């Protein structure tokens, strides 16, 4: 009636496969020591925390292997320095005293803050472009960029 073939297991020859490679996974590359070095006031820099946070963000999007660790370290340090300058502005104010004339001048922390923020933003755009070009995960931007909303 039906042409169903009969299956005889002794007719099948199996090939023994060699043992597979032993792969060791690493969860995150260790941040360099200078990212957590103690500053003049004795407090650690804290850039290692930003490094870990950013690496976790990259890992959520499966792009952690695409971004060079030096780029990530540079971003972490620049952003931490920006935060330090903002804390100094909060502590010492926007105005300073000229060292020779004693007159009022703009605080040097304001200019340094702007430079570190600019550097951090440029490095972030590099990281974000890598993620945007290569991300395999669905990413929804909820309109955080006000300029794009215009």
Protein backbone atom coordinates (compact mmCIF):
# COMPACT_ATOMS: atom_id res chain seq x y z
CA UNK A 1 0.00 0.00 0.00
CA UNK A 2 2.28 2.78 1.22
CA UNK A 3 5.88 2.86 0.11
CA UNK A 4 7.36 3.53 3.53
CA UNK A 5 11.00 2.49 3.70
CA UNK A 6 12.12 0.27 6.51
CA UNK A 7 14.71 1.85 8.76
CA UNK A 8 17.57 -0.37 9.88
CA UNK A 9 19.86 1.44 12.36
CA UNK A 10 22.81 -0.90 11.78
CA UNK A 11 23.15 0.44 8.23
CA UNK A 12 24.16 3.94 9.42
CA UNK A 13 27.83 4.66 9.96
CA UNK A 14 28.55 7.47 12.41
CA UNK A 15 31.75 9.43 12.43
CA UNK A 16 33.32 10.24 15.78
CA UNK A 17 33.87 13.96 16.05
CA UNK A 18 36.91 15.38 17.85
CA UNK A 19 36.41 17.25 21.08
CA UNK A 20 35.36 20.86 20.57
CA UNK A 21 37.50 23.82 21.45
CA UNK A 22 37.44 25.01 25.03
CA UNK A 23 36.27 28.62 24.95
CA UNK A 24 36.77 30.93 27.86
CA UNK A 25 34.43 33.87 27.96
CA UNK A 26 35.25 37.12 29.63
CA UNK A 27 32.49 39.30 30.86
CA UNK A 28 34.26 42.64 30.59
CA UNK A 29 37.82 43.78 29.95
CA UNK A 30 39.37 45.22 33.08
CA UNK A 31 39.55 49.03 32.96
CA UNK A 32 43.06 50.48 33.07
CA UNK A 33 44.39 51.54 36.46
CA UNK A 34 44.53 55.23 35.57
CA UNK A 35 40.73 55.31 35.37
CA UNK A 36 40.50 54.69 39.12
CA UNK A 37 43.71 56.41 40.23
CA UNK A 38 43.55 58.56 43.35
CA UNK A 39 43.43 62.26 42.66
CA UNK A 40 45.23 65.01 44.54
CA UNK A 41 42.40 65.22 47.07
CA UNK A 42 42.66 61.47 47.77
CA UNK A 43 39.39 60.56 46.05
CA UNK A 44 39.55 58.04 43.17
CA UNK A 45 38.89 59.46 39.70
CA UNK A 46 35.85 57.24 39.18
CA UNK A 47 36.15 56.88 35.40
CA UNK A 48 36.15 53.11 35.86
CA UNK A 49 32.49 53.31 36.91
CA UNK A 50 31.56 55.15 33.71
CA UNK A 51 33.62 52.59 31.76
CA UNK A 52 31.64 49.73 33.34
CA UNK A 53 28.32 51.48 32.81
CA UNK A 54 29.07 52.21 29.15
CA UNK A 55 30.38 48.69 28.56
CA UNK A 56 27.15 47.31 30.03
CA UNK A 57 25.16 49.53 27.66
CA UNK A 58 27.20 48.18 24.73
CA UNK A 59 26.71 44.59 25.91
CA UNK A 60 22.93 45.04 26.02
CA UNK A 61 23.12 45.86 22.32
CA UNK A 62 25.63 43.07 21.50
CA UNK A 63 28.23 45.59 20.35
CA UNK A 64 30.78 45.27 23.17
CA UNK A 65 33.36 43.59 20.92
CA UNK A 66 33.11 46.27 18.23
CA UNK A 67 34.24 49.24 20.32
CA UNK A 68 37.93 49.53 21.07
CA UNK A 69 38.63 49.56 24.80
CA UNK A 70 40.90 52.62 24.39
CA UNK A 71 38.01 54.56 22.87
CA UNK A 72 35.84 53.52 25.78
CA UNK A 73 38.55 54.52 28.27
CA UNK A 74 39.03 57.90 26.59
CA UNK A 75 35.30 58.59 26.72
CA UNK A 76 35.12 57.53 30.38
CA UNK A 77 38.00 59.76 31.38
CA UNK A 78 36.74 62.80 29.45
CA UNK A 79 33.25 62.48 30.91
CA UNK A 80 34.63 62.06 34.43
CA UNK A 81 36.80 65.16 34.02
CA UNK A 82 33.71 67.05 32.84
CA UNK A 83 31.90 65.98 36.02
CA UNK A 84 34.88 67.09 38.12
CA UNK A 85 34.85 70.53 36.52
CA UNK A 86 31.11 70.88 37.10
CA UNK A 87 31.60 69.99 40.77
CA UNK A 88 34.36 72.62 41.00
CA UNK A 89 32.06 75.23 39.43
CA UNK A 90 29.38 74.34 41.98
CA UNK A 91 31.89 74.60 44.81
CA UNK A 92 33.85 77.72 43.77
CA UNK A 93 31.33 79.56 41.58
CA UNK A 94 31.45 80.96 38.07
CA UNK A 95 33.82 83.79 38.92
CA UNK A 96 37.41 83.73 40.03
CA UNK A 97 40.10 86.16 41.10
CA UNK A 98 42.87 87.24 38.73
CA UNK A 99 46.21 86.05 40.17
CA UNK A 100 48.10 89.35 39.67
CA UNK A 101 45.58 92.17 39.47
CA UNK A 102 43.06 90.68 41.88
CA UNK A 103 40.20 91.57 39.54
CA UNK A 104 37.21 89.40 38.80
CA UNK A 105 37.62 86.89 35.97
CA UNK A 106 35.62 83.96 34.68
CA UNK A 107 36.41 80.75 36.50
CA UNK A 108 38.89 78.59 34.54
CA UNK A 109 36.74 75.58 35.41
CA UNK A 110 34.04 76.84 33.03
CA UNK A 111 36.33 76.68 30.00
CA UNK A 112 37.80 73.35 31.10
CA UNK A 113 34.29 71.98 31.59
CA UNK A 114 33.30 73.03 28.08
CA UNK A 115 36.41 71.38 26.60
CA UNK A 116 35.92 68.11 28.46
CA UNK A 117 32.22 68.07 27.56
CA UNK A 118 33.05 68.65 23.89
CA UNK A 119 35.65 65.87 23.94
CA UNK A 120 33.29 63.47 25.72
CA UNK A 121 30.51 64.22 23.23
CA UNK A 122 32.78 63.63 20.22
CA UNK A 123 33.94 60.32 21.66
CA UNK A 124 30.34 59.36 22.50
CA UNK A 125 29.27 60.07 18.92
CA UNK A 126 32.01 57.71 17.72
CA UNK A 127 30.78 54.98 20.06
CA UNK A 128 27.13 55.63 19.18
CA UNK A 129 27.88 55.50 15.43
CA UNK A 130 29.51 52.09 15.85
CA UNK A 131 26.43 50.87 17.70
CA UNK A 132 24.03 52.43 15.20
CA UNK A 133 25.84 50.86 12.23
CA UNK A 134 26.29 47.40 13.73
CA UNK A 135 23.63 46.84 16.36
CA UNK A 136 21.64 43.66 15.86
CA UNK A 137 19.23 44.39 18.69
CA UNK A 138 16.08 46.41 18.23
CA UNK A 139 16.74 49.89 19.57
CA UNK A 140 14.04 52.44 20.00
CA UNK A 141 14.94 56.03 20.62
CA UNK A 142 12.17 57.66 22.57
CA UNK A 143 12.84 61.12 21.23
CA UNK A 144 15.52 62.08 23.72
CA UNK A 145 17.19 64.38 21.20
CA UNK A 146 15.17 67.58 21.20
CA UNK A 147 16.83 68.89 18.01
CA UNK A 148 15.67 65.85 16.04
CA UNK A 149 12.13 66.35 17.33
CA UNK A 150 11.99 69.80 15.70
